[in-house]
Amino acid sequence: MGLDNEIRTALETAFDPTQLDVINESHKHAGHAGDDGSGESHWRIVISAPAFDDMSRLARHRAIHSALGPEIIGRLHALAIDIK
């Protein structure tokens, strides 16, 4: 299973999103800081879920990091989060 699928599965399980896009942006950062050569270092998540309705922006980001867990977070150099 690729990292994109691991991210998707973790977020679907935690939030049952109405929209979820997991976008690998590593190619935009090839040769720059944080590029570990894996092609899986820089990610963007676009997500919408009712679970976020009563959360502050900070709480939403913390919830996403918690849902991904240290195993996935530890493999990322950069994670952009767009919550709709």
C-alpha atoms as a PDB file:
ATOM      1  CA  MET A   1       0.000   0.000   0.000  1.00  0.00           C
ATOM      2  CA  GLY A   2       1.399   3.399  -0.966  1.00  0.00           C
ATOM      3  CA  LEU A   3       1.565   6.288   1.444  1.00  0.00           C
ATOM      4  CA  ASP A   4      -1.337   7.984  -0.357  1.00  0.00           C
ATOM      5  CA  ASN A   5      -3.552   4.995   0.414  1.00  0.00           C
ATOM      6  CA  GLU A   6      -2.405   4.917   4.039  1.00  0.00           C
ATOM      7  CA  ILE A   7      -3.275   8.610   4.429  1.00  0.00           C
ATOM      8  CA  ARG A   8      -6.634   8.137   2.690  1.00  0.00           C
ATOM      9  CA  THR A   9      -7.573   5.101   4.804  1.00  0.00           C
ATOM     10  CA  ALA A  10      -6.655   6.812   8.088  1.00  0.00           C
ATOM     11  CA  LEU A  11      -8.679   9.930   7.259  1.00  0.00           C
ATOM     12  CA  GLU A  12     -11.687   8.027   5.910  1.00  0.00           C
ATOM     13  CA  THR A  13     -11.771   5.909   9.046  1.00  0.00           C
ATOM     14  CA  ALA A  14     -11.489   8.892  11.390  1.00  0.00           C
ATOM     15  CA  PHE A  15     -13.765  11.416   9.682  1.00  0.00           C
ATOM     16  CA  ASP A  16     -16.017   9.785   7.047  1.00  0.00           C
ATOM     17  CA  PRO A  17     -15.322  12.777   4.761  1.00  0.00           C
ATOM     18  CA  THR A  18     -17.692  14.049   2.093  1.00  0.00           C
ATOM     19  CA  GLN A  19     -14.624  15.141   0.099  1.00  0.00           C
ATOM     20  CA  LEU A  20     -11.093  13.823   0.342  1.00  0.00           C
ATOM     21  CA  ASP A  21      -8.222  14.465  -2.033  1.00  0.00           C
ATOM     22  CA  VAL A  22      -4.755  13.208  -1.141  1.00  0.00           C
ATOM     23  CA  ILE A  23      -2.271  14.884  -3.458  1.00  0.00           C
ATOM     24  CA  ASN A  24       1.401  13.996  -3.728  1.00  0.00           C
ATOM     25  CA  GLU A  25       3.283  17.249  -4.390  1.00  0.00           C
ATOM     26  CA  SER A  26       6.763  15.764  -3.926  1.00  0.00           C
ATOM     27  CA  HIS A  27       7.697  16.273  -7.575  1.00  0.00           C
ATOM     28  CA  LYS A  28       7.472  20.045  -7.008  1.00  0.00           C
ATOM     29  CA  HIS A  29      10.194  19.796  -4.359  1.00  0.00           C
ATOM     30  CA  ALA A  30      12.661  17.390  -5.992  1.00  0.00           C
ATOM     31  CA  GLY A  31      16.193  18.269  -4.978  1.00  0.00           C
ATOM     32  CA  HIS A  32      15.084  20.714  -2.281  1.00  0.00           C
ATOM     33  CA  ALA A  33      15.099  20.485   1.488  1.00  0.00           C
ATOM     34  CA  GLY A  34      13.115  17.535   2.754  1.00  0.00           C
ATOM     35  CA  ASP A  35      13.304  15.602  -0.510  1.00  0.00           C
ATOM     36  CA  ASP A  36      14.357  12.175   0.672  1.00  0.00           C
ATOM     37  CA  GLY A  37      14.264  10.675  -2.820  1.00  0.00           C
ATOM     38  CA  SER A  38      11.223   8.526  -2.020  1.00  0.00           C
ATOM     39  CA  GLY A  39       8.824  10.660  -4.044  1.00  0.00           C
ATOM     40  CA  GLU A  40       6.538  10.676  -0.999  1.00  0.00           C
ATOM     41  CA  SER A  41       7.760  13.571   1.129  1.00  0.00           C
ATOM     42  CA  HIS A  42       5.374  16.468   0.374  1.00  0.00           C
ATOM     43  CA  TRP A  43       1.597  16.062   0.551  1.00  0.00           C
ATOM     44  CA  ARG A  44      -1.570  18.137   0.330  1.00  0.00           C
ATOM     45  CA  ILE A  45      -4.876  17.019   1.823  1.00  0.00           C
ATOM     46  CA  VAL A  46      -8.163  18.592   0.772  1.00  0.00           C
ATOM     47  CA  ILE A  47     -10.900  17.395   3.091  1.00  0.00           C
ATOM     48  CA  SER A  48     -14.464  18.195   4.077  1.00  0.00           C
ATOM     49  CA  ALA A  49     -16.323  16.373   6.825  1.00  0.00           C
ATOM     50  CA  PRO A  50     -19.161  17.146   9.235  1.00  0.00           C
ATOM     51  CA  ALA A  51     -16.829  16.106  12.065  1.00  0.00           C
ATOM     52  CA  PHE A  52     -14.983  19.408  11.613  1.00  0.00           C
ATOM     53  CA  ASP A  53     -18.061  21.633  11.897  1.00  0.00           C
ATOM     54  CA  ASP A  54     -17.663  22.585  15.558  1.00  0.00           C
ATOM     55  CA  MET A  55     -13.856  22.615  15.637  1.00  0.00           C
ATOM     56  CA  SER A  56     -11.514  25.571  15.465  1.00  0.00           C
ATOM     57  CA  ARG A  57      -8.927  25.645  12.697  1.00  0.00           C
ATOM     58  CA  LEU A  58      -6.237  24.513  15.125  1.00  0.00           C
ATOM     59  CA  ALA A  59      -8.395  21.679  16.475  1.00  0.00           C
ATOM     60  CA  ARG A  60      -9.061  20.468  12.922  1.00  0.00           C
ATOM     61  CA  HIS A  61      -5.359  20.326  12.121  1.00  0.00           C
ATOM     62  CA  ARG A  62      -4.611  18.561  15.394  1.00  0.00           C
ATOM     63  CA  ALA A  63      -7.383  16.031  14.689  1.00  0.00           C
ATOM     64  CA  ILE A  64      -5.925  15.276  11.269  1.00  0.00           C
ATOM     65  CA  HIS A  65      -2.427  14.828  12.695  1.00  0.00           C
ATOM     66  CA  SER A  66      -3.837  12.573  15.406  1.00  0.00           C
ATOM     67  CA  ALA A  67      -5.781  10.491  12.871  1.00  0.00           C
ATOM     68  CA  LEU A  68      -2.669  10.025  10.748  1.00  0.00           C
ATOM     69  CA  GLY A  69      -0.649   9.035  13.790  1.00  0.00           C
ATOM     70  CA  PRO A  70       3.085   9.198  14.383  1.00  0.00           C
ATOM     71  CA  GLU A  71       3.858   6.382  11.937  1.00  0.00           C
ATOM     72  CA  ILE A  72       2.521   8.328   8.954  1.00  0.00           C
ATOM     73  CA  ILE A  73       3.419  11.826  10.198  1.00  0.00           C
ATOM     74  CA  GLY A  74       6.997  10.683  10.780  1.00  0.00           C
ATOM     75  CA  ARG A  75       7.336   9.829   7.096  1.00  0.00           C
ATOM     76  CA  LEU A  76       6.238  13.274   5.854  1.00  0.00           C
ATOM     77  CA  HIS A  77       8.438  16.310   5.394  1.00  0.00           C
ATOM     78  CA  ALA A  78       5.545  18.652   4.571  1.00  0.00           C
ATOM     79  CA  LEU A  79       1.772  18.401   4.888  1.00  0.00           C
ATOM     80  CA  ALA A  80      -0.534  21.098   3.580  1.00  0.00           C
ATOM     81  CA  ILE A  81      -4.099  20.827   4.851  1.00  0.00           C
ATOM     82  CA  ASP A  82      -7.067  22.479   3.146  1.00  0.00           C
ATOM     83  CA  ILE A  83     -10.283  22.001   5.107  1.00  0.00           C
ATOM     84  CA  LYS A  84     -13.437  22.909   3.241  1.00  0.00           C
END
